[in-house]
Amino acid sequence: MPNLTHLALEFILLDDENLSTLNKCFPCLLTLNLVGVGGLKNPKIHLSQLKTCHWEVSNVPESLAIHAPNLVYLELKCVQPEILILDTPSVSTLKLTIDKLGPTVQVDGFASLKNLRIESPNLNSLLKVFVNNREITTLDLELPSSKNGFALYEAVNPELFSRTTEVKLSPRFSYELMRHIVFSMTAYDCRSCLKKLLVHMPPSILTACPFVPLLNNCAPSCEVTVLFHADSSCNARQVAASVWPLGFPDITWQWGTWQ
C-alpha cells in the first residue's frame, strides 16, 4: 500500500527495529500515529511528506530520530533517549512529554515553531533547547505528578515569557509555581509581550493573588484566565474575583473551573 496517507498502530509488537520497513512501505504518509508500539530498538521516522505525527514510545530505545521536512504537528512522548534527533524544520506545534534529555540532542531549524507544550521534570534543559531565541506564541507548561517543584527555581523566571504571547500553566505546574517560585521573582522587572495568561488554581485559594509577579510582567491589556478547582469554596472564588482585579485594572479577567 505505497499510496496510503494515514496510518495508526497501537499496542502491538512490530518486527521493525528501526522502522526502515515502515518508511519504505508507506512513503506517502501524511499522518502517522504510533502508540505503545513495541519491538523498536533505534527507531527512525524518515518520511518526506509527513504532516502530522503522534508518537508515544513504550520502551526505552537508545535513540529516537524523526526526519520529516514537511511535518507541522508533532506530539512526542518518550522517557530518556540517549540520542534525540528532530530534523523537522517546518514544525509549528510541538507537544513534548519526556523525562530527561540525553547527552546528544540535535534539533534542527524549528524556525516555524509557534505553539509549544512541555511536560517534564527536566524543564530547565528543555526550555533552553526549545524556547531560547525563538518567537514562541503559545507556551504550555506542565509537571509530572511526581515532580519536586523546587527545580522550578532554576527553570522559570519572567524572562522566560518575555518573547511569548500566550502562556498556559497546567494544574501541577501552576500549583508548584505558586508554592515555590513567585516569591523569588519579585525582584525581576522584565516587561513582556504576554497578552494571554491561563492559570489553574489549587483547591485552597489564598485571599491575596499568589501570582502577582507574573501579572507585574504582563503586557498592558493582558487577558488573564483563572480556573478555580471544582472543590474550592464558592466564597473563596467570590472573594478572589472581587479583590484580585482591583490591583490590576488594565487586565481583562476571566473566570472558570477545572476538575
C-alpha atoms as a PDB file:
ATOM      1  CA  MET A   1       0.000   0.000   0.000  1.00  0.00           C
ATOM      2  CA  PRO A   2       2.552   2.593  -1.076  1.00  0.00           C
ATOM      3  CA  ASN A   3      -0.117   5.272  -1.563  1.00  0.00           C
ATOM      4  CA  LEU A   4      -1.501   5.045   1.977  1.00  0.00           C
ATOM      5  CA  THR A   5      -1.674   8.503   3.576  1.00  0.00           C
ATOM      6  CA  HIS A   6      -2.906   7.744   7.126  1.00  0.00           C
ATOM      7  CA  LEU A   7      -1.593   5.016   9.429  1.00  0.00           C
ATOM      8  CA  ALA A   8      -2.274   4.276  13.113  1.00  0.00           C
ATOM      9  CA  LEU A   9      -0.606   1.456  15.058  1.00  0.00           C
ATOM     10  CA  GLU A  10      -1.468   0.963  18.731  1.00  0.00           C
ATOM     11  CA  PHE A  11      -0.204  -1.503  21.348  1.00  0.00           C
ATOM     12  CA  ILE A  12       1.352  -4.039  19.005  1.00  0.00           C
ATOM     13  CA  LEU A  13       4.774  -5.666  18.698  1.00  0.00           C
ATOM     14  CA  LEU A  14       6.412  -4.579  15.465  1.00  0.00           C
ATOM     15  CA  ASP A  15       9.171  -6.616  13.825  1.00  0.00           C
ATOM     16  CA  ASP A  16      10.866  -3.498  12.504  1.00  0.00           C
ATOM     17  CA  GLU A  17      13.576  -2.375  14.947  1.00  0.00           C
ATOM     18  CA  ASN A  18      14.449   0.897  13.242  1.00  0.00           C
ATOM     19  CA  LEU A  19      11.210   1.473  11.281  1.00  0.00           C
ATOM     20  CA  SER A  20      13.013   1.079   7.963  1.00  0.00           C
ATOM     21  CA  THR A  21      10.276  -1.229   6.648  1.00  0.00           C
ATOM     22  CA  LEU A  22       7.556   1.236   7.616  1.00  0.00           C
ATOM     23  CA  ASN A  23       9.404   4.088   5.916  1.00  0.00           C
ATOM     24  CA  LYS A  24       9.878   2.018   2.758  1.00  0.00           C
ATOM     25  CA  CYS A  25       6.342   0.613   2.546  1.00  0.00           C
ATOM     26  CA  PHE A  26       4.462   3.846   3.277  1.00  0.00           C
ATOM     27  CA  PRO A  27       6.407   6.713   1.664  1.00  0.00           C
ATOM     28  CA  CYS A  28       3.273   8.834   1.091  1.00  0.00           C
ATOM     29  CA  LEU A  29       2.110   9.013   4.699  1.00  0.00           C
ATOM     30  CA  LEU A  30       0.667  12.357   5.760  1.00  0.00           C
ATOM     31  CA  THR A  31      -0.478  11.254   9.233  1.00  0.00           C
ATOM     32  CA  LEU A  32       1.254   8.717  11.471  1.00  0.00           C
ATOM     33  CA  ASN A  33       0.130   7.606  14.948  1.00  0.00           C
ATOM     34  CA  LEU A  34       2.358   5.199  16.878  1.00  0.00           C
ATOM     35  CA  VAL A  35       1.103   4.462  20.402  1.00  0.00           C
ATOM     36  CA  GLY A  36       2.646   1.753  22.565  1.00  0.00           C
ATOM     37  CA  VAL A  37       4.378   0.039  19.645  1.00  0.00           C
ATOM     38  CA  GLY A  38       6.943  -2.457  20.937  1.00  0.00           C
ATOM     39  CA  GLY A  39       9.951  -4.076  19.311  1.00  0.00           C
ATOM     40  CA  LEU A  40      11.700  -0.811  18.477  1.00  0.00           C
ATOM     41  CA  LYS A  41      15.445  -0.545  19.122  1.00  0.00           C
ATOM     42  CA  ASN A  42      16.703   2.608  17.408  1.00  0.00           C
ATOM     43  CA  PRO A  43      13.608   3.849  15.562  1.00  0.00           C
ATOM     44  CA  LYS A  44      13.945   6.436  12.853  1.00  0.00           C
ATOM     45  CA  ILE A  45      10.977   8.008  11.077  1.00  0.00           C
ATOM     46  CA  HIS A  46      12.067   9.164   7.640  1.00  0.00           C
ATOM     47  CA  LEU A  47       9.020  10.370   5.695  1.00  0.00           C
ATOM     48  CA  SER A  48       9.318  13.368   3.417  1.00  0.00           C
ATOM     49  CA  GLN A  49       5.565  14.031   3.044  1.00  0.00           C
ATOM     50  CA  LEU A  50       4.514  13.529   6.670  1.00  0.00           C
ATOM     51  CA  LYS A  51       2.439  16.413   8.093  1.00  0.00           C
ATOM     52  CA  THR A  52       1.181  15.122  11.461  1.00  0.00           C
ATOM     53  CA  CYS A  53       2.836  12.693  13.879  1.00  0.00           C
ATOM     54  CA  HIS A  54       1.725  11.380  17.285  1.00  0.00           C
ATOM     55  CA  TRP A  55       4.318   9.048  18.791  1.00  0.00           C
ATOM     56  CA  GLU A  56       4.129   7.527  22.280  1.00  0.00           C
ATOM     57  CA  VAL A  57       7.231   5.392  22.754  1.00  0.00           C
ATOM     58  CA  SER A  58       6.514   2.426  25.044  1.00  0.00           C
ATOM     59  CA  ASN A  59      10.039   1.124  25.617  1.00  0.00           C
ATOM     60  CA  VAL A  60      13.347   2.930  26.182  1.00  0.00           C
ATOM     61  CA  PRO A  61      15.279   2.903  22.909  1.00  0.00           C
ATOM     62  CA  GLU A  62      18.810   4.257  22.862  1.00  0.00           C
ATOM     63  CA  SER A  63      17.976   6.728  20.119  1.00  0.00           C
ATOM     64  CA  LEU A  64      14.944   8.364  18.511  1.00  0.00           C
ATOM     65  CA  ALA A  65      15.035  10.210  15.215  1.00  0.00           C
ATOM     66  CA  ILE A  66      12.450  11.965  13.083  1.00  0.00           C
ATOM     67  CA  HIS A  67      13.407  13.233   9.641  1.00  0.00           C
ATOM     68  CA  ALA A  68      10.327  14.893   8.165  1.00  0.00           C
ATOM     69  CA  PRO A  69      10.881  18.199   6.344  1.00  0.00           C
ATOM     70  CA  ASN A  70       7.149  18.911   5.898  1.00  0.00           C
ATOM     71  CA  LEU A  71       5.984  17.930   9.382  1.00  0.00           C
ATOM     72  CA  VAL A  72       3.921  20.709  11.008  1.00  0.00           C
ATOM     73  CA  TYR A  73       2.434  18.955  14.092  1.00  0.00           C
ATOM     74  CA  LEU A  74       4.425  16.681  16.380  1.00  0.00           C
ATOM     75  CA  GLU A  75       3.298  15.080  19.639  1.00  0.00           C
ATOM     76  CA  LEU A  76       6.096  13.005  21.153  1.00  0.00           C
ATOM     77  CA  LYS A  77       6.086  11.091  24.442  1.00  0.00           C
ATOM     78  CA  CYS A  78       9.214   9.232  25.499  1.00  0.00           C
ATOM     79  CA  VAL A  79      11.421   8.554  28.527  1.00  0.00           C
ATOM     80  CA  GLN A  80      15.108   9.357  28.105  1.00  0.00           C
ATOM     81  CA  PRO A  81      16.672   8.521  24.759  1.00  0.00           C
ATOM     82  CA  GLU A  82      20.455   8.852  24.744  1.00  0.00           C
ATOM     83  CA  ILE A  83      20.174  10.388  21.292  1.00  0.00           C
ATOM     84  CA  LEU A  84      17.244  12.548  20.170  1.00  0.00           C
ATOM     85  CA  ILE A  85      17.212  13.894  16.630  1.00  0.00           C
ATOM     86  CA  LEU A  86      14.368  16.099  15.413  1.00  0.00           C
ATOM     87  CA  ASP A  87      15.035  17.088  11.825  1.00  0.00           C
ATOM     88  CA  THR A  88      11.664  18.790  11.429  1.00  0.00           C
ATOM     89  CA  PRO A  89      12.215  22.389  10.290  1.00  0.00           C
ATOM     90  CA  SER A  90       8.550  23.089   9.454  1.00  0.00           C
ATOM     91  CA  VAL A  91       7.028  22.109  12.813  1.00  0.00           C
ATOM     92  CA  SER A  92       4.738  24.841  14.158  1.00  0.00           C
ATOM     93  CA  THR A  93       3.164  22.849  17.026  1.00  0.00           C
ATOM     94  CA  LEU A  94       5.232  20.633  19.322  1.00  0.00           C
ATOM     95  CA  LYS A  95       3.863  18.722  22.318  1.00  0.00           C
ATOM     96  CA  LEU A  96       6.691  17.014  24.166  1.00  0.00           C
ATOM     97  CA  THR A  97       6.475  14.719  27.196  1.00  0.00           C
ATOM     98  CA  ILE A  98       9.893  13.455  28.244  1.00  0.00           C
ATOM     99  CA  ASP A  99      11.637  12.506  31.478  1.00  0.00           C
ATOM    100  CA  LYS A 100      15.051  13.852  30.603  1.00  0.00           C
ATOM    101  CA  LEU A 101      17.162  14.832  27.637  1.00  0.00           C
ATOM    102  CA  GLY A 102      20.088  12.553  26.900  1.00  0.00           C
ATOM    103  CA  PRO A 103      23.646  13.702  26.175  1.00  0.00           C
ATOM    104  CA  THR A 104      23.028  14.053  22.436  1.00  0.00           C
ATOM    105  CA  VAL A 105      20.223  16.311  21.230  1.00  0.00           C
ATOM    106  CA  GLN A 106      20.007  17.526  17.657  1.00  0.00           C
ATOM    107  CA  VAL A 107      17.182  19.951  16.963  1.00  0.00           C
ATOM    108  CA  ASP A 108      17.475  21.477  13.521  1.00  0.00           C
ATOM    109  CA  GLY A 109      15.627  24.583  12.474  1.00  0.00           C
ATOM    110  CA  PHE A 110      12.299  24.950  14.275  1.00  0.00           C
ATOM    111  CA  ALA A 111      12.089  28.410  12.749  1.00  0.00           C
ATOM    112  CA  SER A 112       8.325  27.893  12.369  1.00  0.00           C
ATOM    113  CA  LEU A 113       7.728  26.761  15.961  1.00  0.00           C
ATOM    114  CA  LYS A 114       4.888  28.819  17.476  1.00  0.00           C
ATOM    115  CA  ASN A 115       2.979  26.509  19.824  1.00  0.00           C
ATOM    116  CA  LEU A 116       4.939  24.537  22.414  1.00  0.00           C
ATOM    117  CA  ARG A 117       3.773  22.245  25.216  1.00  0.00           C
ATOM    118  CA  ILE A 118       6.318  20.647  27.538  1.00  0.00           C
ATOM    119  CA  GLU A 119       5.653  18.154  30.331  1.00  0.00           C
ATOM    120  CA  SER A 120       8.858  17.120  32.034  1.00  0.00           C
ATOM    121  CA  PRO A 121      10.769  17.031  35.335  1.00  0.00           C
ATOM    122  CA  ASN A 122      13.736  18.356  33.347  1.00  0.00           C
ATOM    123  CA  LEU A 123      12.261  21.730  32.417  1.00  0.00           C
ATOM    124  CA  ASN A 124      15.455  23.733  32.678  1.00  0.00           C
ATOM    125  CA  SER A 125      17.337  21.963  29.879  1.00  0.00           C
ATOM    126  CA  LEU A 126      14.229  21.594  27.708  1.00  0.00           C
ATOM    127  CA  LEU A 127      13.372  25.288  27.885  1.00  0.00           C
ATOM    128  CA  LYS A 128      16.927  26.159  26.888  1.00  0.00           C
ATOM    129  CA  VAL A 129      16.712  23.902  23.839  1.00  0.00           C
ATOM    130  CA  PHE A 130      13.215  24.743  22.613  1.00  0.00           C
ATOM    131  CA  VAL A 131      12.374  28.241  23.896  1.00  0.00           C
ATOM    132  CA  ASN A 132      15.528  30.342  23.984  1.00  0.00           C
ATOM    133  CA  ASN A 133      15.873  32.688  20.997  1.00  0.00           C
ATOM    134  CA  ARG A 134      12.591  31.547  19.451  1.00  0.00           C
ATOM    135  CA  GLU A 135       9.428  33.580  18.943  1.00  0.00           C
ATOM    136  CA  ILE A 136       7.009  31.218  20.697  1.00  0.00           C
ATOM    137  CA  THR A 137       3.381  32.344  20.501  1.00  0.00           C
ATOM    138  CA  THR A 138       1.789  29.860  22.933  1.00  0.00           C
ATOM    139  CA  LEU A 139       3.730  28.151  25.727  1.00  0.00           C
ATOM    140  CA  ASP A 140       2.034  25.429  27.815  1.00  0.00           C
ATOM    141  CA  LEU A 141       3.972  24.023  30.779  1.00  0.00           C
ATOM    142  CA  GLU A 142       3.187  21.038  32.994  1.00  0.00           C
ATOM    143  CA  LEU A 143       4.999  18.880  35.555  1.00  0.00           C
ATOM    144  CA  PRO A 144       4.732  15.113  36.051  1.00  0.00           C
ATOM    145  CA  SER A 145       2.807  14.198  39.190  1.00  0.00           C
ATOM    146  CA  SER A 146       5.976  13.024  40.959  1.00  0.00           C
ATOM    147  CA  LYS A 147       7.986  16.168  40.264  1.00  0.00           C
ATOM    148  CA  ASN A 148       9.545  18.168  43.090  1.00  0.00           C
ATOM    149  CA  GLY A 149       8.682  21.792  42.447  1.00  0.00           C
ATOM    150  CA  PHE A 150      11.942  23.196  43.804  1.00  0.00           C
ATOM    151  CA  ALA A 151      13.630  22.528  40.454  1.00  0.00           C
ATOM    152  CA  LEU A 152      11.459  25.303  39.025  1.00  0.00           C
ATOM    153  CA  TYR A 153      13.708  27.864  40.703  1.00  0.00           C
ATOM    154  CA  GLU A 154      16.389  27.395  38.056  1.00  0.00           C
ATOM    155  CA  ALA A 155      13.966  26.884  35.173  1.00  0.00           C
ATOM    156  CA  VAL A 156      11.385  29.641  35.428  1.00  0.00           C
ATOM    157  CA  ASN A 157      11.599  33.413  35.699  1.00  0.00           C
ATOM    158  CA  PRO A 158       9.746  36.230  33.954  1.00  0.00           C
ATOM    159  CA  GLU A 159      12.369  36.436  31.188  1.00  0.00           C
ATOM    160  CA  LEU A 160      11.063  33.063  30.031  1.00  0.00           C
ATOM    161  CA  PHE A 161       7.834  34.771  28.986  1.00  0.00           C
ATOM    162  CA  SER A 162       9.361  37.954  27.590  1.00  0.00           C
ATOM    163  CA  ARG A 163       9.072  36.804  23.956  1.00  0.00           C
ATOM    164  CA  THR A 164       5.864  34.802  24.373  1.00  0.00           C
ATOM    165  CA  THR A 165       2.349  35.989  23.557  1.00  0.00           C
ATOM    166  CA  GLU A 166       0.304  33.355  25.407  1.00  0.00           C
ATOM    167  CA  VAL A 167       1.225  31.206  28.424  1.00  0.00           C
ATOM    168  CA  LYS A 168      -0.797  28.295  29.804  1.00  0.00           C
ATOM    169  CA  LEU A 169       0.213  26.957  33.201  1.00  0.00           C
ATOM    170  CA  SER A 170      -1.297  23.490  33.622  1.00  0.00           C
ATOM    171  CA  PRO A 171      -2.543  22.244  37.023  1.00  0.00           C
ATOM    172  CA  ARG A 172       0.556  20.721  38.628  1.00  0.00           C
ATOM    173  CA  PHE A 173       2.849  23.393  37.203  1.00  0.00           C
ATOM    174  CA  SER A 174       0.562  26.160  38.482  1.00  0.00           C
ATOM    175  CA  TYR A 175       0.470  24.620  41.946  1.00  0.00           C
ATOM    176  CA  GLU A 176       4.237  24.268  42.292  1.00  0.00           C
ATOM    177  CA  LEU A 177       4.865  27.675  40.769  1.00  0.00           C
ATOM    178  CA  MET A 178       2.616  29.365  43.295  1.00  0.00           C
ATOM    179  CA  ARG A 179       4.093  27.361  46.178  1.00  0.00           C
ATOM    180  CA  HIS A 180       7.759  27.938  45.494  1.00  0.00           C
ATOM    181  CA  ILE A 181       8.566  30.318  42.705  1.00  0.00           C
ATOM    182  CA  VAL A 182       6.642  33.569  42.689  1.00  0.00           C
ATOM    183  CA  PHE A 183       8.200  34.665  45.952  1.00  0.00           C
ATOM    184  CA  SER A 184      11.646  34.541  44.318  1.00  0.00           C
ATOM    185  CA  MET A 185      10.509  36.527  41.279  1.00  0.00           C
ATOM    186  CA  THR A 186       9.564  39.778  42.949  1.00  0.00           C
ATOM    187  CA  ALA A 187      12.931  41.359  42.180  1.00  0.00           C
ATOM    188  CA  TYR A 188      12.519  40.945  38.429  1.00  0.00           C
ATOM    189  CA  ASP A 189      11.365  43.781  36.251  1.00  0.00           C
ATOM    190  CA  CYS A 190      11.022  42.291  32.810  1.00  0.00           C
ATOM    191  CA  ARG A 191       8.128  43.764  30.879  1.00  0.00           C
ATOM    192  CA  SER A 192       6.988  41.141  28.404  1.00  0.00           C
ATOM    193  CA  CYS A 193       4.694  40.946  25.403  1.00  0.00           C
ATOM    194  CA  LEU A 194       2.449  38.460  27.209  1.00  0.00           C
ATOM    195  CA  LYS A 195      -1.129  39.019  26.052  1.00  0.00           C
ATOM    196  CA  LYS A 196      -2.816  35.896  27.451  1.00  0.00           C
ATOM    197  CA  LEU A 197      -2.181  34.011  30.690  1.00  0.00           C
ATOM    198  CA  LEU A 198      -4.089  30.938  31.873  1.00  0.00           C
ATOM    199  CA  VAL A 199      -3.588  29.661  35.431  1.00  0.00           C
ATOM    200  CA  HIS A 200      -5.095  26.645  37.204  1.00  0.00           C
ATOM    201  CA  MET A 201      -5.735  27.338  40.892  1.00  0.00           C
ATOM    202  CA  PRO A 202      -5.339  24.588  43.541  1.00  0.00           C
ATOM    203  CA  PRO A 203      -8.342  23.661  45.747  1.00  0.00           C
ATOM    204  CA  SER A 204      -7.290  26.051  48.534  1.00  0.00           C
ATOM    205  CA  ILE A 205      -7.353  29.675  47.364  1.00  0.00           C
ATOM    206  CA  LEU A 206      -5.415  32.471  49.036  1.00  0.00           C
ATOM    207  CA  THR A 207      -7.130  35.792  49.641  1.00  0.00           C
ATOM    208  CA  ALA A 208      -4.178  37.595  48.067  1.00  0.00           C
ATOM    209  CA  CYS A 209      -3.402  36.792  44.449  1.00  0.00           C
ATOM    210  CA  PRO A 210      -0.483  34.300  44.549  1.00  0.00           C
ATOM    211  CA  PHE A 211       0.903  35.073  41.085  1.00  0.00           C
ATOM    212  CA  VAL A 212       1.302  38.850  41.302  1.00  0.00           C
ATOM    213  CA  PRO A 213       4.916  38.762  39.988  1.00  0.00           C
ATOM    214  CA  LEU A 214       3.632  37.260  36.749  1.00  0.00           C
ATOM    215  CA  LEU A 215       0.947  39.930  36.469  1.00  0.00           C
ATOM    216  CA  ASN A 216       3.551  42.642  37.025  1.00  0.00           C
ATOM    217  CA  ASN A 217       5.293  41.443  33.902  1.00  0.00           C
ATOM    218  CA  CYS A 218       2.255  41.174  31.629  1.00  0.00           C
ATOM    219  CA  ALA A 219       1.733  43.469  28.686  1.00  0.00           C
ATOM    220  CA  PRO A 220      -0.931  46.194  29.012  1.00  0.00           C
ATOM    221  CA  SER A 221      -4.467  44.897  28.430  1.00  0.00           C
ATOM    222  CA  CYS A 222      -3.363  41.314  29.027  1.00  0.00           C
ATOM    223  CA  GLU A 223      -6.184  38.751  29.231  1.00  0.00           C
ATOM    224  CA  VAL A 224      -5.857  36.582  32.352  1.00  0.00           C
ATOM    225  CA  THR A 225      -7.984  33.452  32.733  1.00  0.00           C
ATOM    226  CA  VAL A 226      -8.148  31.943  36.215  1.00  0.00           C
ATOM    227  CA  LEU A 227      -9.581  28.433  36.517  1.00  0.00           C
ATOM    228  CA  PHE A 228     -10.663  27.558  40.057  1.00  0.00           C
ATOM    229  CA  HIS A 229     -10.618  23.940  41.177  1.00  0.00           C
ATOM    230  CA  ALA A 230     -14.125  22.486  41.363  1.00  0.00           C
ATOM    231  CA  ASP A 231     -13.565  21.605  45.046  1.00  0.00           C
ATOM    232  CA  SER A 232     -12.715  25.174  46.082  1.00  0.00           C
ATOM    233  CA  SER A 233     -15.351  27.039  48.089  1.00  0.00           C
ATOM    234  CA  CYS A 234     -17.741  29.430  46.372  1.00  0.00           C
ATOM    235  CA  ASN A 235     -16.946  32.104  48.950  1.00  0.00           C
ATOM    236  CA  ALA A 236     -13.208  31.925  48.225  1.00  0.00           C
ATOM    237  CA  ARG A 237     -13.885  32.221  44.492  1.00  0.00           C
ATOM    238  CA  GLN A 238     -16.108  35.251  45.005  1.00  0.00           C
ATOM    239  CA  VAL A 239     -13.501  36.977  47.169  1.00  0.00           C
ATOM    240  CA  ALA A 240     -10.763  36.318  44.624  1.00  0.00           C
ATOM    241  CA  ALA A 241     -12.893  37.511  41.714  1.00  0.00           C
ATOM    242  CA  SER A 242     -13.753  40.744  43.518  1.00  0.00           C
ATOM    243  CA  VAL A 243     -10.372  41.542  45.116  1.00  0.00           C
ATOM    244  CA  TRP A 244      -7.669  40.432  42.679  1.00  0.00           C
ATOM    245  CA  PRO A 245      -8.680  42.678  39.742  1.00  0.00           C
ATOM    246  CA  LEU A 246      -8.510  45.817  41.914  1.00  0.00           C
ATOM    247  CA  GLY A 247      -4.721  45.910  41.779  1.00  0.00           C
ATOM    248  CA  PHE A 248      -4.615  45.386  38.011  1.00  0.00           C
ATOM    249  CA  PRO A 249      -7.392  47.456  36.406  1.00  0.00           C
ATOM    250  CA  ASP A 250      -5.810  47.280  32.937  1.00  0.00           C
ATOM    251  CA  ILE A 251      -6.023  43.498  32.848  1.00  0.00           C
ATOM    252  CA  THR A 252      -9.070  41.697  31.448  1.00  0.00           C
ATOM    253  CA  TRP A 253     -10.066  38.947  33.865  1.00  0.00           C
ATOM    254  CA  GLN A 254     -11.955  35.765  33.032  1.00  0.00           C
ATOM    255  CA  TRP A 255     -13.022  33.076  35.475  1.00  0.00           C
ATOM    256  CA  GLY A 256     -13.812  29.387  35.140  1.00  0.00           C
ATOM    257  CA  THR A 257     -13.398  25.977  36.791  1.00  0.00           C
ATOM    258  CA  TRP A 258     -11.385  22.837  36.248  1.00  0.00           C
ATOM    259  CA  GLN A 259     -11.789  19.315  37.664  1.00  0.00           C
END
